[in-house]
Amino acid sequence: MGYENLLAFEEKWGKKYPIAAKSWLDKWINLSTFFEYDEQVRKTIYTTNPIERMHRQIRKITKSKGTFSSEQALMKLMFLIIKDISKKWTMPVHNWGLTISQLYIKFGDRRKLDRGF
């Protein structure tokens, strides 16, 4: 079903976004492995959400400051923002038990469950 949707996207949007469509079609074998996992696992292993969240928080604070007196002032502010944001990185990952069990089923021959992922 995913490949059919990709073909439909390419048919509708391929002329407007030819590079994206070609790239996704050329790399479909790699992209499609992501869809072998259920939705909860995909949400856990999909990395752009936390990265985008961090960028959004940095932009929110730096945008309101206007200009900085020096590069060092900006670097100090960035350090403090990241220090504050990083407190949330120690929180447990949502649905980690489900994710680790599915990864163990798929890659159990590569890693031991007791060693973690």
C-alpha atoms as a PDB file:
ATOM      1  CA  MET A   1       0.000   0.000   0.000  1.00  0.00           C
ATOM      2  CA  GLY A   2       2.835   2.428   0.810  1.00  0.00           C
ATOM      3  CA  TYR A   3       4.437   2.008  -2.599  1.00  0.00           C
ATOM      4  CA  GLU A   4       1.105   2.627  -4.332  1.00  0.00           C
ATOM      5  CA  ASN A   5       0.722   5.829  -2.294  1.00  0.00           C
ATOM      6  CA  LEU A   6       4.232   6.856  -3.306  1.00  0.00           C
ATOM      7  CA  LEU A   7       3.364   6.288  -6.970  1.00  0.00           C
ATOM      8  CA  ALA A   8       0.193   8.349  -6.524  1.00  0.00           C
ATOM      9  CA  PHE A   9       2.266  11.125  -4.938  1.00  0.00           C
ATOM     10  CA  GLU A  10       4.731  10.991  -7.819  1.00  0.00           C
ATOM     11  CA  GLU A  11       1.919  11.174 -10.348  1.00  0.00           C
ATOM     12  CA  LYS A  12       0.247  14.145  -8.641  1.00  0.00           C
ATOM     13  CA  TRP A  13       3.290  16.078  -7.383  1.00  0.00           C
ATOM     14  CA  GLY A  14       6.221  14.686  -9.375  1.00  0.00           C
ATOM     15  CA  LYS A  15       6.405  17.603 -11.772  1.00  0.00           C
ATOM     16  CA  LYS A  16       6.336  20.169  -8.968  1.00  0.00           C
ATOM     17  CA  TYR A  17       8.735  18.235  -6.684  1.00  0.00           C
ATOM     18  CA  PRO A  18      10.791  16.077  -9.062  1.00  0.00           C
ATOM     19  CA  ILE A  19      13.855  15.726  -6.829  1.00  0.00           C
ATOM     20  CA  ALA A  20      11.858  14.525  -3.808  1.00  0.00           C
ATOM     21  CA  ALA A  21       9.771  12.113  -5.874  1.00  0.00           C
ATOM     22  CA  LYS A  22      12.811  10.648  -7.638  1.00  0.00           C
ATOM     23  CA  SER A  23      14.745  10.336  -4.394  1.00  0.00           C
ATOM     24  CA  TRP A  24      11.906   8.523  -2.624  1.00  0.00           C
ATOM     25  CA  LEU A  25      11.318   6.203  -5.561  1.00  0.00           C
ATOM     26  CA  ASP A  26      15.039   5.424  -5.899  1.00  0.00           C
ATOM     27  CA  LYS A  27      15.384   4.750  -2.169  1.00  0.00           C
ATOM     28  CA  TRP A  28      12.063   2.961  -1.637  1.00  0.00           C
ATOM     29  CA  ILE A  29      13.700  -0.254  -0.393  1.00  0.00           C
ATOM     30  CA  ASN A  30      15.412   1.677   2.413  1.00  0.00           C
ATOM     31  CA  LEU A  31      12.389   3.854   3.175  1.00  0.00           C
ATOM     32  CA  SER A  32       9.951   0.969   3.263  1.00  0.00           C
ATOM     33  CA  THR A  33      11.774  -0.811   6.101  1.00  0.00           C
ATOM     34  CA  PHE A  34      10.547   1.966   8.391  1.00  0.00           C
ATOM     35  CA  PHE A  35       6.959   0.829   7.727  1.00  0.00           C
ATOM     36  CA  GLU A  36       7.691  -2.742   8.868  1.00  0.00           C
ATOM     37  CA  TYR A  37       7.226  -1.511  12.433  1.00  0.00           C
ATOM     38  CA  ASP A  38       3.872  -0.658  13.969  1.00  0.00           C
ATOM     39  CA  GLU A  39       2.887   2.955  14.485  1.00  0.00           C
ATOM     40  CA  GLN A  40       4.013   3.153  18.131  1.00  0.00           C
ATOM     41  CA  VAL A  41       7.514   1.889  17.294  1.00  0.00           C
ATOM     42  CA  ARG A  42       7.808   4.207  14.290  1.00  0.00           C
ATOM     43  CA  LYS A  43       6.899   7.130  16.517  1.00  0.00           C
ATOM     44  CA  THR A  44       9.614   6.108  18.986  1.00  0.00           C
ATOM     45  CA  ILE A  45      12.395   5.628  16.443  1.00  0.00           C
ATOM     46  CA  TYR A  46      11.501   8.607  14.257  1.00  0.00           C
ATOM     47  CA  THR A  47      14.148  11.121  15.285  1.00  0.00           C
ATOM     48  CA  THR A  48      13.144  14.404  13.720  1.00  0.00           C
ATOM     49  CA  ASN A  49      10.437  15.244  16.259  1.00  0.00           C
ATOM     50  CA  PRO A  50      12.872  15.717  19.189  1.00  0.00           C
ATOM     51  CA  ILE A  51      15.369  17.513  16.965  1.00  0.00           C
ATOM     52  CA  GLU A  52      12.703  19.843  15.574  1.00  0.00           C
ATOM     53  CA  ARG A  53      11.405  20.448  19.100  1.00  0.00           C
ATOM     54  CA  MET A  54      14.885  21.466  20.257  1.00  0.00           C
ATOM     55  CA  HIS A  55      15.360  23.806  17.281  1.00  0.00           C
ATOM     56  CA  ARG A  56      11.935  25.336  17.882  1.00  0.00           C
ATOM     57  CA  GLN A  57      12.774  26.028  21.537  1.00  0.00           C
ATOM     58  CA  ILE A  58      16.132  27.572  20.606  1.00  0.00           C
ATOM     59  CA  ARG A  59      14.535  29.763  17.909  1.00  0.00           C
ATOM     60  CA  LYS A  60      11.751  30.829  20.277  1.00  0.00           C
ATOM     61  CA  ILE A  61      14.238  32.183  22.809  1.00  0.00           C
ATOM     62  CA  THR A  62      16.871  33.607  20.464  1.00  0.00           C
ATOM     63  CA  LYS A  63      14.268  35.263  18.209  1.00  0.00           C
ATOM     64  CA  SER A  64      12.883  37.316  21.080  1.00  0.00           C
ATOM     65  CA  LYS A  65      16.360  38.596  22.028  1.00  0.00           C
ATOM     66  CA  GLY A  66      16.975  40.538  18.843  1.00  0.00           C
ATOM     67  CA  THR A  67      20.699  41.210  18.574  1.00  0.00           C
ATOM     68  CA  PHE A  68      23.556  39.962  20.729  1.00  0.00           C
ATOM     69  CA  SER A  69      26.459  42.034  21.996  1.00  0.00           C
ATOM     70  CA  SER A  70      28.933  39.368  20.911  1.00  0.00           C
ATOM     71  CA  GLU A  71      29.205  35.837  19.609  1.00  0.00           C
ATOM     72  CA  GLN A  72      30.156  34.748  23.122  1.00  0.00           C
ATOM     73  CA  ALA A  73      26.862  36.152  24.467  1.00  0.00           C
ATOM     74  CA  LEU A  74      24.958  34.069  21.930  1.00  0.00           C
ATOM     75  CA  MET A  75      27.007  30.982  22.783  1.00  0.00           C
ATOM     76  CA  LYS A  76      26.290  31.418  26.498  1.00  0.00           C
ATOM     77  CA  LEU A  77      22.567  31.729  25.817  1.00  0.00           C
ATOM     78  CA  MET A  78      22.655  28.632  23.576  1.00  0.00           C
ATOM     79  CA  PHE A  79      24.449  26.714  26.329  1.00  0.00           C
ATOM     80  CA  LEU A  80      21.781  27.661  28.875  1.00  0.00           C
ATOM     81  CA  ILE A  81      18.931  26.798  26.496  1.00  0.00           C
ATOM     82  CA  ILE A  82      20.398  23.377  25.676  1.00  0.00           C
ATOM     83  CA  LYS A  83      21.147  22.724  29.352  1.00  0.00           C
ATOM     84  CA  ASP A  84      17.496  23.408  30.173  1.00  0.00           C
ATOM     85  CA  ILE A  85      16.177  21.373  27.232  1.00  0.00           C
ATOM     86  CA  SER A  86      18.455  18.432  28.034  1.00  0.00           C
ATOM     87  CA  LYS A  87      16.671  17.864  31.371  1.00  0.00           C
ATOM     88  CA  LYS A  88      13.823  16.354  29.361  1.00  0.00           C
ATOM     89  CA  TRP A  89      16.181  13.962  27.560  1.00  0.00           C
ATOM     90  CA  THR A  90      16.489  11.814  30.673  1.00  0.00           C
ATOM     91  CA  MET A  91      12.776  11.129  30.783  1.00  0.00           C
ATOM     92  CA  PRO A  92      11.763   7.583  29.805  1.00  0.00           C
ATOM     93  CA  VAL A  93      10.908   7.000  26.164  1.00  0.00           C
ATOM     94  CA  HIS A  94       7.187   6.501  25.574  1.00  0.00           C
ATOM     95  CA  ASN A  95       6.397   2.844  24.714  1.00  0.00           C
ATOM     96  CA  TRP A  96      10.054   1.833  25.097  1.00  0.00           C
ATOM     97  CA  GLY A  97       9.101  -1.706  26.235  1.00  0.00           C
ATOM     98  CA  LEU A  98       7.104  -2.311  23.052  1.00  0.00           C
ATOM     99  CA  THR A  99       9.839  -0.779  20.912  1.00  0.00           C
ATOM    100  CA  ILE A 100      12.689  -2.763  22.464  1.00  0.00           C
ATOM    101  CA  SER A 101      10.764  -6.030  22.201  1.00  0.00           C
ATOM    102  CA  GLN A 102      10.017  -5.483  18.496  1.00  0.00           C
ATOM    103  CA  LEU A 103      13.632  -4.510  17.824  1.00  0.00           C
ATOM    104  CA  TYR A 104      14.782  -7.604  19.690  1.00  0.00           C
ATOM    105  CA  ILE A 105      12.476  -9.814  17.602  1.00  0.00           C
ATOM    106  CA  LYS A 106      13.811  -8.248  14.404  1.00  0.00           C
ATOM    107  CA  PHE A 107      17.490  -7.959  15.393  1.00  0.00           C
ATOM    108  CA  GLY A 108      17.801 -10.425  18.266  1.00  0.00           C
ATOM    109  CA  ASP A 109      20.614 -12.272  16.520  1.00  0.00           C
ATOM    110  CA  ARG A 110      22.681  -9.065  16.539  1.00  0.00           C
ATOM    111  CA  ARG A 111      22.148  -7.839  20.093  1.00  0.00           C
ATOM    112  CA  LYS A 112      21.396  -9.344  23.457  1.00  0.00           C
ATOM    113  CA  LEU A 113      18.317  -7.949  25.190  1.00  0.00           C
ATOM    114  CA  ASP A 114      20.118  -7.736  28.526  1.00  0.00           C
ATOM    115  CA  ARG A 115      22.789  -5.477  26.964  1.00  0.00           C
ATOM    116  CA  GLY A 116      20.119  -3.094  25.710  1.00  0.00           C
ATOM    117  CA  PHE A 117      19.967  -1.180  22.464  1.00  0.00           C
END
